[in-house]
Amino acid sequence: MRRTIKHISGKILITAFIAATVILRHSGAQDGPAHKKLEIVTTLFPTYDFARQIGKDRVNVTLLLPPGIEAHTFEPKPADMVRINKADIFIYTGKYMEPWVADMLDGVSNKSLTVVDSSKGIVMMAGVEHDHGNDHDEQRDKHDGDEHDDKAAGHGQEENGHAHGGIDPHIWLDLGNACIMVDGIAKAMTEKDPGNKDFYLRNADEYKTRLLKLDEEFRDMIKRCDKKSIICGGHFTFGYFARRYGLDYETPYKGFSPNAEPTPKAIVEVIEKLRSRGLKYIYYEELIDPKVARIISSETGAKLELLHGAHNISKEELQNGITFVDILESDKEKLKAGLECR
């Protein structure tokens, strides 16, 4: 009898061990060095969120830009260099958005670091100086795909230490461009972690499908809009967005620097356009004092409304887990009201 009990107990223990082993395998608890999470550092919120959507629980993604900080005035600190040195992948938006990257990378000692310029393969759009609307569509500059050792400091006019050189750096607000950025980030992950290649590519494809669905939603909505103009009291952020959907985009700002001051004449011109087009909304950007938008609102009675450019997010938004798609979904609803869409 005792022998039978021992025999049964032994079988139970073996069965329990096998079951525990299966559970551990499926839970990933036995993951060894081959399954170590990729350490990724990104500069701006769009690339941060793209990396999260592609890598999910197999990556650790750090946003270099502190929440609540305006992107155009950001300058990296020594602690940021340490983070990048420890990373597997560093992702930035491009030399026109982050001209400081070239010099910073010269000081990186991590020879295995993969650097991703997410603007590679994107046709860059020239900015404008008070020639608003779709005129800027006629001025484009093919991105040359230079490597990171191309010194961005030599490109164009300095604005608060950020040299845009007349090129609009806000590439992510064209959702076609966003898909190209996603592909570039996914490629870097698959090369760095080939064991999870199918996982990354599947996630990237699913995410691009969501972006293109949102793109189609914007197109369908704008077809039903009585107004076709966006007037913004901030710097020239939504040029790519306006071009993609055939909208006019007006701002009294000369270029991309958030600290530049528009001339009184430029403000008056925008006020007159808002009135003549019968627009009832004046938009402003995230994380910037909307003082110019407030002036225009006061003069015209137009409603003041945030149109989020997704450069960066607030601490509260970060804590709430906001995504790039969430931001554009919110923008869609605000534009639906401002463009008087049916």
C-alpha atoms as a PDB file:
ATOM      1  CA  MET A   1       0.000   0.000   0.000  1.00  0.00           C
ATOM      2  CA  ARG A   2       2.805   2.378   0.956  1.00  0.00           C
ATOM      3  CA  ARG A   3       4.623   1.502  -2.251  1.00  0.00           C
ATOM      4  CA  THR A   4       1.480   2.327  -4.247  1.00  0.00           C
ATOM      5  CA  ILE A   5       1.095   5.697  -2.487  1.00  0.00           C
ATOM      6  CA  LYS A   6       4.766   6.511  -3.139  1.00  0.00           C
ATOM      7  CA  HIS A   7       4.343   5.498  -6.784  1.00  0.00           C
ATOM      8  CA  ILE A   8       1.277   7.743  -7.188  1.00  0.00           C
ATOM      9  CA  SER A   9       3.002  10.615  -5.383  1.00  0.00           C
ATOM     10  CA  GLY A  10       5.998  10.300  -7.685  1.00  0.00           C
ATOM     11  CA  LYS A  11       3.758  10.474 -10.749  1.00  0.00           C
ATOM     12  CA  ILE A  12       2.020  13.558  -9.367  1.00  0.00           C
ATOM     13  CA  LEU A  13       5.347  15.286  -8.768  1.00  0.00           C
ATOM     14  CA  ILE A  14       6.595  14.478 -12.281  1.00  0.00           C
ATOM     15  CA  THR A  15       3.324  15.692 -13.807  1.00  0.00           C
ATOM     16  CA  ALA A  16       3.456  18.879 -11.752  1.00  0.00           C
ATOM     17  CA  PHE A  17       7.069  19.503 -12.810  1.00  0.00           C
ATOM     18  CA  ILE A  18       6.229  19.071 -16.495  1.00  0.00           C
ATOM     19  CA  ALA A  19       3.230  21.376 -16.161  1.00  0.00           C
ATOM     20  CA  ALA A  20       5.308  24.023 -14.387  1.00  0.00           C
ATOM     21  CA  THR A  21       7.987  23.784 -17.070  1.00  0.00           C
ATOM     22  CA  VAL A  22       5.398  24.342 -19.837  1.00  0.00           C
ATOM     23  CA  ILE A  23       3.923  27.318 -17.986  1.00  0.00           C
ATOM     24  CA  LEU A  24       7.361  28.852 -17.462  1.00  0.00           C
ATOM     25  CA  ARG A  25       8.228  28.458 -21.128  1.00  0.00           C
ATOM     26  CA  HIS A  26       5.023  30.126 -22.289  1.00  0.00           C
ATOM     27  CA  SER A  27       5.326  32.906 -19.717  1.00  0.00           C
ATOM     28  CA  GLY A  28       8.849  33.716 -20.827  1.00  0.00           C
ATOM     29  CA  ALA A  29      10.212  33.153 -17.326  1.00  0.00           C
ATOM     30  CA  GLN A  30      12.982  30.981 -18.754  1.00  0.00           C
ATOM     31  CA  ASP A  31      14.091  33.582 -21.268  1.00  0.00           C
ATOM     32  CA  GLY A  32      17.851  33.749 -21.266  1.00  0.00           C
ATOM     33  CA  PRO A  33      20.308  36.277 -22.734  1.00  0.00           C
ATOM     34  CA  ALA A  34      18.936  35.644 -26.242  1.00  0.00           C
ATOM     35  CA  HIS A  35      15.625  37.211 -25.127  1.00  0.00           C
ATOM     36  CA  LYS A  36      17.065  40.230 -23.346  1.00  0.00           C
ATOM     37  CA  LYS A  37      14.949  43.287 -24.118  1.00  0.00           C
ATOM     38  CA  LEU A  38      16.323  45.797 -26.590  1.00  0.00           C
ATOM     39  CA  GLU A  39      17.207  49.122 -24.992  1.00  0.00           C
ATOM     40  CA  ILE A  40      15.981  51.934 -27.254  1.00  0.00           C
ATOM     41  CA  VAL A  41      16.368  55.691 -26.842  1.00  0.00           C
ATOM     42  CA  THR A  42      14.316  58.081 -28.985  1.00  0.00           C
ATOM     43  CA  THR A  43      14.299  61.872 -29.229  1.00  0.00           C
ATOM     44  CA  LEU A  44      10.673  62.891 -29.860  1.00  0.00           C
ATOM     45  CA  PHE A  45       7.308  61.434 -28.906  1.00  0.00           C
ATOM     46  CA  PRO A  46       6.310  60.106 -32.370  1.00  0.00           C
ATOM     47  CA  THR A  47       9.382  57.867 -32.676  1.00  0.00           C
ATOM     48  CA  TYR A  48       9.027  56.899 -29.008  1.00  0.00           C
ATOM     49  CA  ASP A  49       5.480  55.696 -29.568  1.00  0.00           C
ATOM     50  CA  PHE A  50       6.302  54.022 -32.905  1.00  0.00           C
ATOM     51  CA  ALA A  51       9.053  52.021 -31.167  1.00  0.00           C
ATOM     52  CA  ARG A  52       6.646  51.026 -28.366  1.00  0.00           C
ATOM     53  CA  GLN A  53       4.013  49.843 -30.847  1.00  0.00           C
ATOM     54  CA  ILE A  54       6.525  47.742 -32.796  1.00  0.00           C
ATOM     55  CA  GLY A  55       8.558  46.297 -29.926  1.00  0.00           C
ATOM     56  CA  LYS A  56       5.833  45.997 -27.272  1.00  0.00           C
ATOM     57  CA  ASP A  57       7.039  43.956 -24.287  1.00  0.00           C
ATOM     58  CA  ARG A  58      10.312  42.948 -25.947  1.00  0.00           C
ATOM     59  CA  VAL A  59      11.836  46.413 -25.806  1.00  0.00           C
ATOM     60  CA  ASN A  60      12.480  49.116 -23.231  1.00  0.00           C
ATOM     61  CA  VAL A  61      11.953  52.528 -24.832  1.00  0.00           C
ATOM     62  CA  THR A  62      13.202  55.773 -23.275  1.00  0.00           C
ATOM     63  CA  LEU A  63      12.036  59.216 -24.415  1.00  0.00           C
ATOM     64  CA  LEU A  64      15.027  61.548 -24.342  1.00  0.00           C
ATOM     65  CA  LEU A  65      12.864  64.668 -24.408  1.00  0.00           C
ATOM     66  CA  PRO A  66      11.473  65.173 -20.891  1.00  0.00           C
ATOM     67  CA  PRO A  67       7.658  65.380 -20.780  1.00  0.00           C
ATOM     68  CA  GLY A  68       6.397  68.939 -20.845  1.00  0.00           C
ATOM     69  CA  ILE A  69       9.500  70.309 -22.608  1.00  0.00           C
ATOM     70  CA  GLU A  70       9.057  72.048 -25.976  1.00  0.00           C
ATOM     71  CA  ALA A  71      10.919  70.064 -28.629  1.00  0.00           C
ATOM     72  CA  HIS A  72      12.545  72.891 -30.582  1.00  0.00           C
ATOM     73  CA  THR A  73      14.328  74.346 -27.551  1.00  0.00           C
ATOM     74  CA  PHE A  74      15.659  71.022 -26.236  1.00  0.00           C
ATOM     75  CA  GLU A  75      19.403  70.612 -25.758  1.00  0.00           C
ATOM     76  CA  PRO A  76      20.832  67.253 -24.586  1.00  0.00           C
ATOM     77  CA  LYS A  77      22.594  66.987 -21.225  1.00  0.00           C
ATOM     78  CA  PRO A  78      25.497  64.722 -20.146  1.00  0.00           C
ATOM     79  CA  ALA A  79      22.989  62.280 -18.614  1.00  0.00           C
ATOM     80  CA  ASP A  80      21.383  61.940 -22.054  1.00  0.00           C
ATOM     81  CA  MET A  81      24.739  60.936 -23.533  1.00  0.00           C
ATOM     82  CA  VAL A  82      25.028  58.233 -20.856  1.00  0.00           C
ATOM     83  CA  ARG A  83      21.577  56.867 -21.783  1.00  0.00           C
ATOM     84  CA  ILE A  84      22.459  56.743 -25.471  1.00  0.00           C
ATOM     85  CA  ASN A  85      25.818  55.077 -24.764  1.00  0.00           C
ATOM     86  CA  LYS A  86      24.014  52.254 -22.952  1.00  0.00           C
ATOM     87  CA  ALA A  87      21.357  51.769 -25.639  1.00  0.00           C
ATOM     88  CA  ASP A  88      21.127  49.174 -28.399  1.00  0.00           C
ATOM     89  CA  ILE A  89      19.269  51.545 -30.749  1.00  0.00           C
ATOM     90  CA  PHE A  90      19.082  55.345 -30.906  1.00  0.00           C
ATOM     91  CA  ILE A  91      16.266  56.842 -33.004  1.00  0.00           C
ATOM     92  CA  TYR A  92      16.001  60.485 -34.026  1.00  0.00           C
ATOM     93  CA  THR A  93      13.688  62.326 -36.389  1.00  0.00           C
ATOM     94  CA  GLY A  94      16.290  63.814 -38.735  1.00  0.00           C
ATOM     95  CA  LYS A  95      18.990  66.454 -39.041  1.00  0.00           C
ATOM     96  CA  TYR A  96      16.472  69.249 -39.638  1.00  0.00           C
ATOM     97  CA  MET A  97      14.613  68.548 -36.406  1.00  0.00           C
ATOM     98  CA  GLU A  98      17.601  67.617 -34.234  1.00  0.00           C
ATOM     99  CA  PRO A  99      20.751  69.209 -35.678  1.00  0.00           C
ATOM    100  CA  TRP A 100      22.537  68.590 -32.365  1.00  0.00           C
ATOM    101  CA  VAL A 101      22.547  64.828 -32.986  1.00  0.00           C
ATOM    102  CA  ALA A 102      25.537  64.830 -35.344  1.00  0.00           C
ATOM    103  CA  ASP A 103      27.903  66.414 -32.830  1.00  0.00           C
ATOM    104  CA  MET A 104      26.509  64.351 -29.979  1.00  0.00           C
ATOM    105  CA  LEU A 105      27.063  61.062 -31.797  1.00  0.00           C
ATOM    106  CA  ASP A 106      30.709  61.949 -32.296  1.00  0.00           C
ATOM    107  CA  GLY A 107      31.088  61.546 -28.537  1.00  0.00           C
ATOM    108  CA  VAL A 108      29.380  58.129 -28.330  1.00  0.00           C
ATOM    109  CA  SER A 109      31.799  55.334 -27.433  1.00  0.00           C
ATOM    110  CA  ASN A 110      29.298  52.481 -27.899  1.00  0.00           C
ATOM    111  CA  LYS A 111      30.460  51.041 -31.222  1.00  0.00           C
ATOM    112  CA  SER A 112      27.559  48.584 -31.391  1.00  0.00           C
ATOM    113  CA  LEU A 113      24.921  51.328 -31.170  1.00  0.00           C
ATOM    114  CA  THR A 114      22.483  51.276 -34.100  1.00  0.00           C
ATOM    115  CA  VAL A 115      21.546  54.811 -35.145  1.00  0.00           C
ATOM    116  CA  VAL A 116      18.237  55.330 -36.964  1.00  0.00           C
ATOM    117  CA  ASP A 117      17.522  58.552 -38.863  1.00  0.00           C
ATOM    118  CA  SER A 118      13.772  58.059 -39.199  1.00  0.00           C
ATOM    119  CA  SER A 119      13.520  60.685 -41.953  1.00  0.00           C
ATOM    120  CA  LYS A 120      15.547  58.522 -44.335  1.00  0.00           C
ATOM    121  CA  GLY A 121      13.595  57.915 -47.536  1.00  0.00           C
ATOM    122  CA  ILE A 122      11.143  60.769 -46.931  1.00  0.00           C
ATOM    123  CA  VAL A 123      10.766  63.664 -49.368  1.00  0.00           C
ATOM    124  CA  MET A 124      11.289  66.750 -47.225  1.00  0.00           C
ATOM    125  CA  MET A 125       9.115  69.816 -47.727  1.00  0.00           C
ATOM    126  CA  ALA A 126      10.423  73.358 -47.835  1.00  0.00           C
ATOM    127  CA  GLY A 127       9.057  75.817 -45.316  1.00  0.00           C
ATOM    128  CA  VAL A 128       7.723  79.213 -46.276  1.00  0.00           C
ATOM    129  CA  GLU A 129       8.148  82.792 -45.180  1.00  0.00           C
ATOM    130  CA  HIS A 130       4.653  84.284 -45.133  1.00  0.00           C
ATOM    131  CA  ASP A 131       3.712  82.583 -48.403  1.00  0.00           C
ATOM    132  CA  HIS A 132       0.980  80.544 -46.735  1.00  0.00           C
ATOM    133  CA  GLY A 133      -1.337  77.858 -47.943  1.00  0.00           C
ATOM    134  CA  ASN A 134      -0.380  75.241 -50.517  1.00  0.00           C
ATOM    135  CA  ASP A 135       2.290  77.406 -52.171  1.00  0.00           C
ATOM    136  CA  HIS A 136       4.844  75.467 -50.159  1.00  0.00           C
ATOM    137  CA  ASP A 137       3.929  72.343 -52.107  1.00  0.00           C
ATOM    138  CA  GLU A 138       5.940  73.706 -55.017  1.00  0.00           C
ATOM    139  CA  GLN A 139       9.132  73.776 -52.987  1.00  0.00           C
ATOM    140  CA  ARG A 140      10.471  70.371 -52.020  1.00  0.00           C
ATOM    141  CA  ASP A 141      13.879  69.025 -51.256  1.00  0.00           C
ATOM    142  CA  LYS A 142      14.636  65.333 -51.579  1.00  0.00           C
ATOM    143  CA  HIS A 143      16.133  64.098 -48.353  1.00  0.00           C
ATOM    144  CA  ASP A 144      19.665  62.993 -49.169  1.00  0.00           C
ATOM    145  CA  GLY A 145      19.867  60.186 -46.632  1.00  0.00           C
ATOM    146  CA  ASP A 146      23.215  61.358 -45.253  1.00  0.00           C
ATOM    147  CA  GLU A 147      24.696  59.375 -42.404  1.00  0.00           C
ATOM    148  CA  HIS A 148      24.858  60.867 -38.932  1.00  0.00           C
ATOM    149  CA  ASP A 149      28.366  62.257 -39.480  1.00  0.00           C
ATOM    150  CA  ASP A 150      26.967  64.873 -41.848  1.00  0.00           C
ATOM    151  CA  LYS A 151      27.245  67.984 -39.663  1.00  0.00           C
ATOM    152  CA  ALA A 152      23.765  69.431 -39.399  1.00  0.00           C
ATOM    153  CA  ALA A 153      25.091  72.694 -37.972  1.00  0.00           C
ATOM    154  CA  GLY A 154      26.005  73.755 -41.476  1.00  0.00           C
ATOM    155  CA  HIS A 155      22.470  73.541 -42.816  1.00  0.00           C
ATOM    156  CA  GLY A 156      20.710  76.825 -43.121  1.00  0.00           C
ATOM    157  CA  GLN A 157      19.891  79.580 -40.686  1.00  0.00           C
ATOM    158  CA  GLU A 158      20.101  79.021 -36.920  1.00  0.00           C
ATOM    159  CA  GLU A 159      16.923  79.438 -34.902  1.00  0.00           C
ATOM    160  CA  ASN A 160      17.576  79.041 -31.166  1.00  0.00           C
ATOM    161  CA  GLY A 161      20.331  76.592 -31.973  1.00  0.00           C
ATOM    162  CA  HIS A 162      18.093  74.554 -34.270  1.00  0.00           C
ATOM    163  CA  ALA A 163      19.016  74.831 -37.930  1.00  0.00           C
ATOM    164  CA  HIS A 164      16.048  73.890 -40.097  1.00  0.00           C
ATOM    165  CA  GLY A 165      17.558  75.501 -43.181  1.00  0.00           C
ATOM    166  CA  GLY A 166      14.090  76.352 -44.527  1.00  0.00           C
ATOM    167  CA  ILE A 167      13.089  72.670 -44.438  1.00  0.00           C
ATOM    168  CA  ASP A 168       9.953  71.630 -42.563  1.00  0.00           C
ATOM    169  CA  PRO A 169      10.990  68.915 -40.066  1.00  0.00           C
ATOM    170  CA  HIS A 170       7.484  67.874 -38.910  1.00  0.00           C
ATOM    171  CA  ILE A 171       7.425  64.793 -41.141  1.00  0.00           C
ATOM    172  CA  TRP A 172       5.314  62.577 -38.842  1.00  0.00           C
ATOM    173  CA  LEU A 173       2.145  64.632 -39.417  1.00  0.00           C
ATOM    174  CA  ASP A 174       1.884  63.124 -42.904  1.00  0.00           C
ATOM    175  CA  LEU A 175       0.694  59.596 -42.107  1.00  0.00           C
ATOM    176  CA  GLY A 176       2.350  58.259 -45.252  1.00  0.00           C
ATOM    177  CA  ASN A 177       5.637  59.524 -43.849  1.00  0.00           C
ATOM    178  CA  ALA A 178       4.753  57.993 -40.474  1.00  0.00           C
ATOM    179  CA  CYS A 179       4.530  54.580 -42.157  1.00  0.00           C
ATOM    180  CA  ILE A 180       8.006  55.062 -43.675  1.00  0.00           C
ATOM    181  CA  MET A 181       9.320  55.942 -40.215  1.00  0.00           C
ATOM    182  CA  VAL A 182       7.733  52.796 -38.771  1.00  0.00           C
ATOM    183  CA  ASP A 183       9.402  50.664 -41.453  1.00  0.00           C
ATOM    184  CA  GLY A 184      12.815  52.156 -40.677  1.00  0.00           C
ATOM    185  CA  ILE A 185      12.441  51.544 -36.950  1.00  0.00           C
ATOM    186  CA  ALA A 186      11.192  47.972 -37.471  1.00  0.00           C
ATOM    187  CA  LYS A 187      14.137  47.240 -39.779  1.00  0.00           C
ATOM    188  CA  ALA A 188      16.591  48.339 -37.092  1.00  0.00           C
ATOM    189  CA  MET A 189      14.897  46.116 -34.496  1.00  0.00           C
ATOM    190  CA  THR A 190      14.963  43.057 -36.748  1.00  0.00           C
ATOM    191  CA  GLU A 191      18.651  43.550 -37.506  1.00  0.00           C
ATOM    192  CA  LYS A 192      19.504  44.028 -33.851  1.00  0.00           C
ATOM    193  CA  ASP A 193      17.299  41.178 -32.631  1.00  0.00           C
ATOM    194  CA  PRO A 194      16.794  38.733 -35.561  1.00  0.00           C
ATOM    195  CA  GLY A 195      15.290  36.097 -33.261  1.00  0.00           C
ATOM    196  CA  ASN A 196      12.201  38.284 -32.894  1.00  0.00           C
ATOM    197  CA  LYS A 197      12.095  39.452 -36.530  1.00  0.00           C
ATOM    198  CA  ASP A 198       8.627  38.057 -37.295  1.00  0.00           C
ATOM    199  CA  PHE A 199       7.243  39.591 -34.088  1.00  0.00           C
ATOM    200  CA  TYR A 200       8.520  43.076 -34.936  1.00  0.00           C
ATOM    201  CA  LEU A 201       7.443  42.949 -38.580  1.00  0.00           C
ATOM    202  CA  ARG A 202       3.959  41.699 -37.691  1.00  0.00           C
ATOM    203  CA  ASN A 203       3.500  44.485 -35.150  1.00  0.00           C
ATOM    204  CA  ALA A 204       4.783  47.081 -37.628  1.00  0.00           C
ATOM    205  CA  ASP A 205       2.342  45.889 -40.309  1.00  0.00           C
ATOM    206  CA  GLU A 206      -0.582  45.968 -37.877  1.00  0.00           C
ATOM    207  CA  TYR A 207       0.360  49.457 -36.727  1.00  0.00           C
ATOM    208  CA  LYS A 208       0.710  50.775 -40.286  1.00  0.00           C
ATOM    209  CA  THR A 209      -2.730  49.374 -41.045  1.00  0.00           C
ATOM    210  CA  ARG A 210      -4.089  51.431 -38.140  1.00  0.00           C
ATOM    211  CA  LEU A 211      -2.280  54.566 -39.354  1.00  0.00           C
ATOM    212  CA  LEU A 212      -3.608  54.154 -42.896  1.00  0.00           C
ATOM    213  CA  LYS A 213      -7.120  53.603 -41.562  1.00  0.00           C
ATOM    214  CA  LEU A 214      -6.812  56.889 -39.670  1.00  0.00           C
ATOM    215  CA  ASP A 215      -5.460  58.509 -42.841  1.00  0.00           C
ATOM    216  CA  GLU A 216      -8.563  57.356 -44.725  1.00  0.00           C
ATOM    217  CA  GLU A 217     -10.789  58.667 -41.933  1.00  0.00           C
ATOM    218  CA  PHE A 218      -9.210  62.117 -42.322  1.00  0.00           C
ATOM    219  CA  ARG A 219      -9.721  62.012 -46.100  1.00  0.00           C
ATOM    220  CA  ASP A 220     -13.361  61.004 -45.777  1.00  0.00           C
ATOM    221  CA  MET A 221     -14.016  63.664 -43.146  1.00  0.00           C
ATOM    222  CA  ILE A 222     -12.397  66.482 -45.117  1.00  0.00           C
ATOM    223  CA  LYS A 223     -14.505  65.650 -48.182  1.00  0.00           C
ATOM    224  CA  ARG A 224     -17.518  66.605 -46.052  1.00  0.00           C
ATOM    225  CA  CYS A 225     -16.076  69.890 -44.733  1.00  0.00           C
ATOM    226  CA  ASP A 226     -17.383  73.309 -45.757  1.00  0.00           C
ATOM    227  CA  LYS A 227     -14.079  74.982 -44.829  1.00  0.00           C
ATOM    228  CA  LYS A 228     -10.657  74.049 -46.181  1.00  0.00           C
ATOM    229  CA  SER A 229      -8.377  76.315 -44.139  1.00  0.00           C
ATOM    230  CA  ILE A 230      -6.521  75.801 -40.873  1.00  0.00           C
ATOM    231  CA  ILE A 231      -5.409  78.991 -39.154  1.00  0.00           C
ATOM    232  CA  CYS A 232      -2.930  78.491 -36.339  1.00  0.00           C
ATOM    233  CA  GLY A 233      -1.421  81.002 -33.931  1.00  0.00           C
ATOM    234  CA  GLY A 234       1.749  78.916 -33.560  1.00  0.00           C
ATOM    235  CA  HIS A 235       4.825  78.242 -35.666  1.00  0.00           C
ATOM    236  CA  PHE A 236       4.639  76.352 -38.963  1.00  0.00           C
ATOM    237  CA  THR A 237       3.898  72.823 -37.724  1.00  0.00           C
ATOM    238  CA  PHE A 238       1.077  71.422 -39.858  1.00  0.00           C
ATOM    239  CA  GLY A 239       2.482  71.917 -43.362  1.00  0.00           C
ATOM    240  CA  TYR A 240       2.805  68.195 -44.147  1.00  0.00           C
ATOM    241  CA  PHE A 241      -0.640  67.516 -42.724  1.00  0.00           C
ATOM    242  CA  ALA A 242      -2.236  70.289 -44.785  1.00  0.00           C
ATOM    243  CA  ARG A 243      -0.519  69.175 -47.971  1.00  0.00           C
ATOM    244  CA  ARG A 244      -1.645  65.571 -47.580  1.00  0.00           C
ATOM    245  CA  TYR A 245      -5.305  66.525 -47.264  1.00  0.00           C
ATOM    246  CA  GLY A 246      -5.409  69.469 -49.646  1.00  0.00           C
ATOM    247  CA  LEU A 247      -5.915  72.127 -46.971  1.00  0.00           C
ATOM    248  CA  ASP A 248      -4.675  75.703 -46.737  1.00  0.00           C
ATOM    249  CA  TYR A 249      -2.588  76.338 -43.662  1.00  0.00           C
ATOM    250  CA  GLU A 250      -2.015  79.837 -42.305  1.00  0.00           C
ATOM    251  CA  THR A 251       0.151  81.113 -39.460  1.00  0.00           C
ATOM    252  CA  PRO A 252       1.625  84.547 -38.745  1.00  0.00           C
ATOM    253  CA  TYR A 253       4.950  82.967 -37.771  1.00  0.00           C
ATOM    254  CA  LYS A 254       7.836  83.203 -40.193  1.00  0.00           C
ATOM    255  CA  GLY A 255       9.243  79.734 -39.654  1.00  0.00           C
ATOM    256  CA  PHE A 256       9.640  76.937 -37.161  1.00  0.00           C
ATOM    257  CA  SER A 257      11.197  78.585 -34.113  1.00  0.00           C
ATOM    258  CA  PRO A 258       8.659  78.728 -31.248  1.00  0.00           C
ATOM    259  CA  ASN A 259      10.376  81.784 -29.751  1.00  0.00           C
ATOM    260  CA  ALA A 260      10.336  83.866 -32.929  1.00  0.00           C
ATOM    261  CA  GLU A 261       7.901  86.774 -32.823  1.00  0.00           C
ATOM    262  CA  PRO A 262       5.539  87.352 -35.765  1.00  0.00           C
ATOM    263  CA  THR A 263       5.294  90.900 -37.051  1.00  0.00           C
ATOM    264  CA  PRO A 264       2.124  92.941 -36.371  1.00  0.00           C
ATOM    265  CA  LYS A 265       1.568  93.032 -40.125  1.00  0.00           C
ATOM    266  CA  ALA A 266       1.621  89.224 -40.328  1.00  0.00           C
ATOM    267  CA  ILE A 267      -0.875  88.977 -37.464  1.00  0.00           C
ATOM    268  CA  VAL A 268      -3.213  91.470 -39.156  1.00  0.00           C
ATOM    269  CA  GLU A 269      -3.005  89.490 -42.418  1.00  0.00           C
ATOM    270  CA  VAL A 270      -4.002  86.286 -40.643  1.00  0.00           C
ATOM    271  CA  ILE A 271      -6.876  88.047 -38.846  1.00  0.00           C
ATOM    272  CA  GLU A 272      -8.181  89.325 -42.180  1.00  0.00           C
ATOM    273  CA  LYS A 273      -7.960  85.844 -43.736  1.00  0.00           C
ATOM    274  CA  LEU A 274      -9.784  84.285 -40.803  1.00  0.00           C
ATOM    275  CA  ARG A 275     -12.597  86.815 -41.154  1.00  0.00           C
ATOM    276  CA  SER A 276     -12.825  86.668 -44.942  1.00  0.00           C
ATOM    277  CA  ARG A 277     -13.055  82.868 -44.896  1.00  0.00           C
ATOM    278  CA  GLY A 278     -15.690  82.834 -42.171  1.00  0.00           C
ATOM    279  CA  LEU A 279     -13.607  80.657 -39.857  1.00  0.00           C
ATOM    280  CA  LYS A 280     -14.685  80.336 -36.251  1.00  0.00           C
ATOM    281  CA  TYR A 281     -11.625  78.598 -34.756  1.00  0.00           C
ATOM    282  CA  ILE A 282      -8.032  79.659 -34.152  1.00  0.00           C
ATOM    283  CA  TYR A 283      -5.699  76.805 -33.221  1.00  0.00           C
ATOM    284  CA  TYR A 284      -2.596  76.763 -31.033  1.00  0.00           C
ATOM    285  CA  GLU A 285       0.115  74.162 -30.312  1.00  0.00           C
ATOM    286  CA  GLU A 286       0.954  72.020 -27.338  1.00  0.00           C
ATOM    287  CA  LEU A 287       3.490  73.188 -24.722  1.00  0.00           C
ATOM    288  CA  ILE A 288       3.795  76.743 -26.112  1.00  0.00           C
ATOM    289  CA  ASP A 289       2.197  79.886 -24.689  1.00  0.00           C
ATOM    290  CA  PRO A 290      -0.640  80.657 -27.154  1.00  0.00           C
ATOM    291  CA  LYS A 291      -0.247  84.424 -26.806  1.00  0.00           C
ATOM    292  CA  VAL A 292      -0.530  85.146 -30.552  1.00  0.00           C
ATOM    293  CA  ALA A 293      -3.528  82.823 -30.894  1.00  0.00           C
ATOM    294  CA  ARG A 294      -5.163  84.644 -27.967  1.00  0.00           C
ATOM    295  CA  ILE A 295      -4.689  87.995 -29.732  1.00  0.00           C
ATOM    296  CA  ILE A 296      -6.318  86.644 -32.888  1.00  0.00           C
ATOM    297  CA  SER A 297      -9.138  85.096 -30.864  1.00  0.00           C
ATOM    298  CA  SER A 298      -9.723  88.383 -29.026  1.00  0.00           C
ATOM    299  CA  GLU A 299      -9.841  90.373 -32.271  1.00  0.00           C
ATOM    300  CA  THR A 300     -12.119  88.003 -34.154  1.00  0.00           C
ATOM    301  CA  GLY A 301     -14.181  86.151 -31.560  1.00  0.00           C
ATOM    302  CA  ALA A 302     -12.842  82.857 -32.941  1.00  0.00           C
ATOM    303  CA  LYS A 303     -12.728  79.961 -30.482  1.00  0.00           C
ATOM    304  CA  LEU A 304      -9.264  79.078 -29.151  1.00  0.00           C
ATOM    305  CA  GLU A 305      -8.532  75.353 -29.580  1.00  0.00           C
ATOM    306  CA  LEU A 306      -5.464  73.120 -29.136  1.00  0.00           C
ATOM    307  CA  LEU A 307      -4.252  71.305 -32.256  1.00  0.00           C
ATOM    308  CA  HIS A 308      -1.632  68.855 -31.005  1.00  0.00           C
ATOM    309  CA  GLY A 309       1.462  68.504 -33.193  1.00  0.00           C
ATOM    310  CA  ALA A 310       2.698  65.458 -31.186  1.00  0.00           C
ATOM    311  CA  HIS A 311       6.242  66.801 -30.780  1.00  0.00           C
ATOM    312  CA  ASN A 312       6.057  65.962 -27.102  1.00  0.00           C
ATOM    313  CA  ILE A 313       3.499  65.281 -24.393  1.00  0.00           C
ATOM    314  CA  SER A 314       2.824  66.535 -20.885  1.00  0.00           C
ATOM    315  CA  LYS A 315       3.601  64.580 -17.715  1.00  0.00           C
ATOM    316  CA  GLU A 316      -0.101  63.877 -17.294  1.00  0.00           C
ATOM    317  CA  GLU A 317      -0.424  62.563 -20.854  1.00  0.00           C
ATOM    318  CA  LEU A 318       2.607  60.311 -20.329  1.00  0.00           C
ATOM    319  CA  GLN A 319       1.142  58.925 -17.084  1.00  0.00           C
ATOM    320  CA  ASN A 320      -2.173  58.285 -18.839  1.00  0.00           C
ATOM    321  CA  GLY A 321      -0.441  56.311 -21.586  1.00  0.00           C
ATOM    322  CA  ILE A 322      -1.484  58.545 -24.469  1.00  0.00           C
ATOM    323  CA  THR A 323      -0.471  57.341 -27.943  1.00  0.00           C
ATOM    324  CA  PHE A 324       0.285  59.025 -31.256  1.00  0.00           C
ATOM    325  CA  VAL A 325      -3.007  57.697 -32.649  1.00  0.00           C
ATOM    326  CA  ASP A 326      -4.870  59.076 -29.617  1.00  0.00           C
ATOM    327  CA  ILE A 327      -3.452  62.531 -30.345  1.00  0.00           C
ATOM    328  CA  LEU A 328      -4.482  62.483 -34.003  1.00  0.00           C
ATOM    329  CA  GLU A 329      -7.922  61.128 -33.142  1.00  0.00           C
ATOM    330  CA  SER A 330      -8.386  64.134 -30.849  1.00  0.00           C
ATOM    331  CA  ASP A 331      -7.086  66.496 -33.560  1.00  0.00           C
ATOM    332  CA  LYS A 332      -9.581  64.979 -35.986  1.00  0.00           C
ATOM    333  CA  GLU A 333     -12.502  65.869 -33.745  1.00  0.00           C
ATOM    334  CA  LYS A 334     -11.234  69.424 -33.264  1.00  0.00           C
ATOM    335  CA  LEU A 335     -10.737  69.903 -36.994  1.00  0.00           C
ATOM    336  CA  LYS A 336     -14.189  68.469 -37.643  1.00  0.00           C
ATOM    337  CA  ALA A 337     -15.616  71.394 -35.671  1.00  0.00           C
ATOM    338  CA  GLY A 338     -13.267  74.045 -37.065  1.00  0.00           C
ATOM    339  CA  LEU A 339     -13.656  72.987 -40.708  1.00  0.00           C
ATOM    340  CA  GLU A 340     -17.426  72.616 -40.291  1.00  0.00           C
ATOM    341  CA  CYS A 341     -17.590  69.009 -41.446  1.00  0.00           C
ATOM    342  CA  ARG A 342     -20.907  67.266 -41.863  1.00  0.00           C
END
